[in-house]
Amino acid sequence: MTDPREPYAGPPAPVLDGHGLRLRTWDPESAADVDAWLRAHLDPEFLRWNTPLRDITDTAGARESLRARAAATEEGTAVVLCVTDAAEGTVLGQVGLHAVDRVRGCAGVGYWVLPEARGRQVATRSLSLATNWFFTHLGLHRLELGHALGHEASCRVAERCGFRAEGTLRGAMWEAGRRDAWRDVHGHARLATDPAPAAIG
């Protein structure tokens, strides 16, 4: 297991413990992981705020999607972590990096939580834990976070984790369930040099 406080010298995906959670890599060969990934991508609330590049509607598609995330993590262009309950190992959601640019030291960050795990600050706790590791052990300077305008729950998560609001990006993401229409995004970002937010957990 990787200690978030120690220099990281292993593969690009760690195992992180904190705030009552364990963050680990997804396993495309695990029936439980595939089922959780599929349920998330079929959840109406998830689809209200996100339109994936490809629809995920069955087990085969979910497994293929997880394999692609694992490959991106191995290549260093992403870090995709499964959020689980530290005590029971139950899958609760996801947090991760995408569009990692090592040259400029920046990346995008995103998260989601399964329906049964909402209302427990899972997104806040997992984003806080992961963000500290992203900065400390990947040497990143800037993390960018965007959510659909009007997604107040996601906005609160960003603010609690020290991601400052930077404005509105016009037409920066697809409308729900469409790939031919766009909506505005509320942009947040956090720099490695920003003051740490209040303690979480």
Protein backbone atom coordinates (compact mmCIF):
# COMPACT_ATOMS: atom_id res chain seq x y z
CA MET A 1 0.00 0.00 0.00
CA THR A 2 1.20 3.52 -0.79
CA ASP A 3 1.30 6.03 2.03
CA PRO A 4 0.05 9.41 0.69
CA ARG A 5 2.73 11.15 2.76
CA GLU A 6 5.68 9.28 1.25
CA PRO A 7 7.33 9.90 -2.15
CA TYR A 8 5.69 7.74 -4.79
CA ALA A 9 8.02 5.67 -6.95
CA GLY A 10 5.76 2.89 -8.21
CA PRO A 11 3.21 2.58 -11.03
CA PRO A 12 0.91 5.55 -11.72
CA ALA A 13 -2.02 4.27 -9.68
CA PRO A 14 -1.73 4.03 -5.89
CA VAL A 15 -3.78 2.60 -3.09
CA LEU A 16 -4.73 5.44 -0.74
CA ASP A 17 -6.39 5.23 2.66
CA GLY A 18 -7.97 8.12 4.53
CA HIS A 19 -11.23 9.75 5.61
CA GLY A 20 -12.78 6.29 6.05
CA LEU A 21 -12.14 5.43 2.40
CA ARG A 22 -9.78 3.33 0.33
CA LEU A 23 -8.94 4.47 -3.19
CA ARG A 24 -7.60 1.78 -5.51
CA THR A 25 -7.49 0.89 -9.18
CA TRP A 26 -10.55 -0.56 -10.86
CA ASP A 27 -10.34 -4.23 -11.84
CA PRO A 28 -11.90 -4.92 -15.26
CA GLU A 29 -12.01 -8.63 -14.41
CA SER A 30 -13.95 -8.13 -11.17
CA ALA A 31 -17.68 -8.75 -11.53
CA ALA A 32 -18.37 -6.34 -8.63
CA ASP A 33 -16.31 -3.55 -10.21
CA VAL A 34 -17.90 -4.04 -13.62
CA ASP A 35 -21.38 -4.04 -12.08
CA ALA A 36 -20.68 -0.83 -10.15
CA TRP A 37 -19.30 0.87 -13.27
CA LEU A 38 -22.34 -0.18 -15.29
CA ARG A 39 -24.84 0.92 -12.63
CA ALA A 40 -23.18 4.32 -12.41
CA HIS A 41 -23.41 4.86 -16.15
CA LEU A 42 -27.08 3.86 -16.22
CA ASP A 43 -28.03 6.05 -13.25
CA PRO A 44 -30.44 8.84 -14.30
CA GLU A 45 -28.76 11.39 -12.00
CA PHE A 46 -25.34 10.59 -13.47
CA LEU A 47 -26.73 10.94 -16.98
CA ARG A 48 -28.42 14.21 -16.07
CA TRP A 49 -25.03 15.83 -15.54
CA ASN A 50 -22.73 13.75 -17.77
CA THR A 51 -22.75 12.50 -21.34
CA PRO A 52 -19.98 9.89 -21.78
CA LEU A 53 -18.06 9.67 -25.02
CA ARG A 54 -19.66 6.27 -25.55
CA ASP A 55 -22.86 4.87 -24.11
CA ILE A 56 -22.31 2.08 -21.59
CA THR A 57 -25.41 -0.09 -21.49
CA ASP A 58 -24.27 -3.64 -20.72
CA THR A 59 -21.64 -5.68 -18.92
CA ALA A 60 -19.44 -6.09 -21.98
CA GLY A 61 -19.39 -2.35 -22.58
CA ALA A 62 -18.63 -1.65 -18.93
CA ARG A 63 -15.71 -4.09 -18.93
CA GLU A 64 -14.32 -2.62 -22.15
CA SER A 65 -14.58 0.87 -20.68
CA LEU A 66 -12.74 -0.20 -17.52
CA ARG A 67 -10.00 -1.82 -19.58
CA ALA A 68 -9.56 1.42 -21.51
CA ARG A 69 -9.26 3.36 -18.23
CA ALA A 70 -6.69 0.86 -16.96
CA ALA A 71 -4.66 1.28 -20.15
CA ALA A 72 -4.77 5.08 -19.86
CA THR A 73 -3.57 4.82 -16.27
CA GLU A 74 -0.70 2.58 -17.33
CA GLU A 75 0.23 5.08 -20.06
CA GLY A 76 0.19 7.94 -17.56
CA THR A 77 -2.47 9.97 -19.38
CA ALA A 78 -5.02 9.35 -16.61
CA VAL A 79 -5.32 8.08 -13.05
CA VAL A 80 -8.70 6.43 -12.47
CA LEU A 81 -9.43 5.29 -8.92
CA CYS A 82 -12.27 3.24 -7.49
CA VAL A 83 -13.58 4.72 -4.23
CA THR A 84 -14.45 2.07 -1.65
CA ASP A 85 -15.47 1.94 1.98
CA ALA A 86 -12.29 1.31 3.96
CA ALA A 87 -13.94 -1.11 6.39
CA GLU A 88 -16.09 -3.20 4.05
CA GLY A 89 -14.55 -2.69 0.62
CA THR A 90 -17.91 -1.73 -0.90
CA VAL A 91 -17.61 0.28 -4.10
CA LEU A 92 -18.93 3.82 -3.56
CA GLY A 93 -17.83 5.77 -6.61
CA GLN A 94 -14.89 7.07 -8.61
CA VAL A 95 -12.34 9.89 -8.54
CA GLY A 96 -9.62 10.47 -11.07
CA LEU A 97 -7.47 12.53 -13.37
CA HIS A 98 -7.83 12.91 -17.12
CA ALA A 99 -6.02 14.89 -19.81
CA VAL A 100 -2.80 14.75 -17.82
CA ASP A 101 -0.25 17.18 -19.29
CA ARG A 102 3.11 16.51 -17.65
CA VAL A 103 4.81 19.31 -19.58
CA ARG A 104 2.50 22.05 -18.30
CA GLY A 105 1.89 20.28 -15.00
CA CYS A 106 -1.89 20.30 -15.25
CA ALA A 107 -4.78 17.86 -15.49
CA GLY A 108 -8.54 17.65 -15.22
CA VAL A 109 -10.20 16.01 -12.25
CA GLY A 110 -13.60 14.38 -11.95
CA TYR A 111 -15.69 12.22 -9.64
CA TRP A 112 -19.02 10.50 -9.23
CA VAL A 113 -20.81 8.60 -6.48
CA LEU A 114 -23.22 5.67 -6.73
CA PRO A 115 -26.83 6.43 -5.71
CA GLU A 116 -26.71 4.39 -2.50
CA ALA A 117 -23.59 6.24 -1.31
CA ARG A 118 -24.83 9.80 -1.79
CA GLY A 119 -25.38 12.14 1.12
CA ARG A 120 -22.29 10.90 2.99
CA GLN A 121 -19.69 13.33 1.61
CA VAL A 122 -18.06 10.51 -0.34
CA ALA A 123 -17.16 12.82 -3.24
CA THR A 124 -15.68 15.43 -0.91
CA ARG A 125 -13.67 12.91 1.08
CA SER A 126 -12.36 11.07 -1.97
CA LEU A 127 -11.50 14.24 -3.90
CA SER A 128 -9.64 15.62 -0.89
CA LEU A 129 -7.61 12.43 -0.46
CA ALA A 130 -6.83 12.10 -4.15
CA THR A 131 -5.99 15.78 -4.68
CA ASN A 132 -3.32 15.72 -2.01
CA TRP A 133 -1.69 12.74 -3.70
CA PHE A 134 -1.98 14.24 -7.20
CA PHE A 135 -0.08 17.32 -6.12
CA THR A 136 2.45 15.71 -3.81
CA HIS A 137 3.40 12.64 -5.81
CA LEU A 138 2.71 13.49 -9.44
CA GLY A 139 4.28 16.94 -9.26
CA LEU A 140 1.28 18.66 -10.85
CA HIS A 141 0.87 22.44 -10.57
CA ARG A 142 -2.80 22.92 -11.55
CA LEU A 143 -5.92 20.76 -11.34
CA GLU A 144 -9.00 21.85 -13.27
CA LEU A 145 -12.56 20.81 -12.40
CA GLY A 146 -15.66 21.55 -14.42
CA HIS A 147 -19.30 20.69 -13.85
CA ALA A 148 -22.47 21.50 -15.73
CA LEU A 149 -23.90 24.86 -14.77
CA GLY A 150 -26.57 24.29 -12.14
CA HIS A 151 -25.00 21.21 -10.59
CA GLU A 152 -24.91 22.72 -7.12
CA ALA A 153 -23.89 19.52 -5.31
CA SER A 154 -20.76 19.22 -7.45
CA CYS A 155 -20.04 22.91 -6.94
CA ARG A 156 -20.10 22.44 -3.16
CA VAL A 157 -17.70 19.49 -3.40
CA ALA A 158 -15.27 21.57 -5.44
CA GLU A 159 -15.39 24.47 -3.00
CA ARG A 160 -14.93 22.28 0.08
CA CYS A 161 -11.82 20.77 -1.51
CA GLY A 162 -10.24 24.13 -2.28
CA PHE A 163 -11.09 24.36 -5.99
CA ARG A 164 -11.80 28.03 -6.54
CA ALA A 165 -14.51 29.12 -8.96
CA GLU A 166 -12.94 30.75 -12.02
CA GLY A 167 -15.96 31.48 -14.18
CA THR A 168 -18.28 30.05 -16.81
CA LEU A 169 -17.06 28.22 -19.88
CA ARG A 170 -19.58 28.68 -22.67
CA GLY A 171 -20.77 25.56 -24.48
CA ALA A 172 -17.97 23.47 -22.98
CA MET A 173 -19.80 20.16 -22.52
CA TRP A 174 -22.57 18.21 -24.16
CA GLU A 175 -26.16 18.57 -23.12
CA ALA A 176 -27.52 15.59 -21.20
CA GLY A 177 -28.02 12.63 -23.52
CA ARG A 178 -26.89 14.51 -26.65
CA ARG A 179 -23.76 14.86 -28.69
CA ASP A 180 -25.02 17.58 -31.01
CA ALA A 181 -25.85 20.30 -28.46
CA TRP A 182 -23.80 21.96 -25.75
CA ARG A 183 -24.22 23.58 -22.35
CA ASP A 184 -22.16 25.84 -20.15
CA VAL A 185 -19.71 24.63 -17.53
CA HIS A 186 -18.81 26.16 -14.19
CA GLY A 187 -15.01 26.04 -14.02
CA HIS A 188 -12.96 25.58 -10.85
CA ALA A 189 -9.26 25.06 -10.32
CA ARG A 190 -6.77 24.49 -7.55
CA LEU A 191 -3.06 25.21 -7.65
CA ALA A 192 -0.42 23.33 -5.72
CA THR A 193 0.46 26.68 -4.14
CA ASP A 194 -3.08 27.44 -2.93
CA PRO A 195 -3.73 27.32 0.82
CA ALA A 196 -5.02 23.97 2.00
CA PRO A 197 -8.79 23.91 2.66
CA ALA A 198 -10.26 23.19 6.06
CA ALA A 199 -9.76 19.67 7.38
CA ILE A 200 -12.14 17.06 5.98
CA GLY A 201 -13.18 13.77 7.51
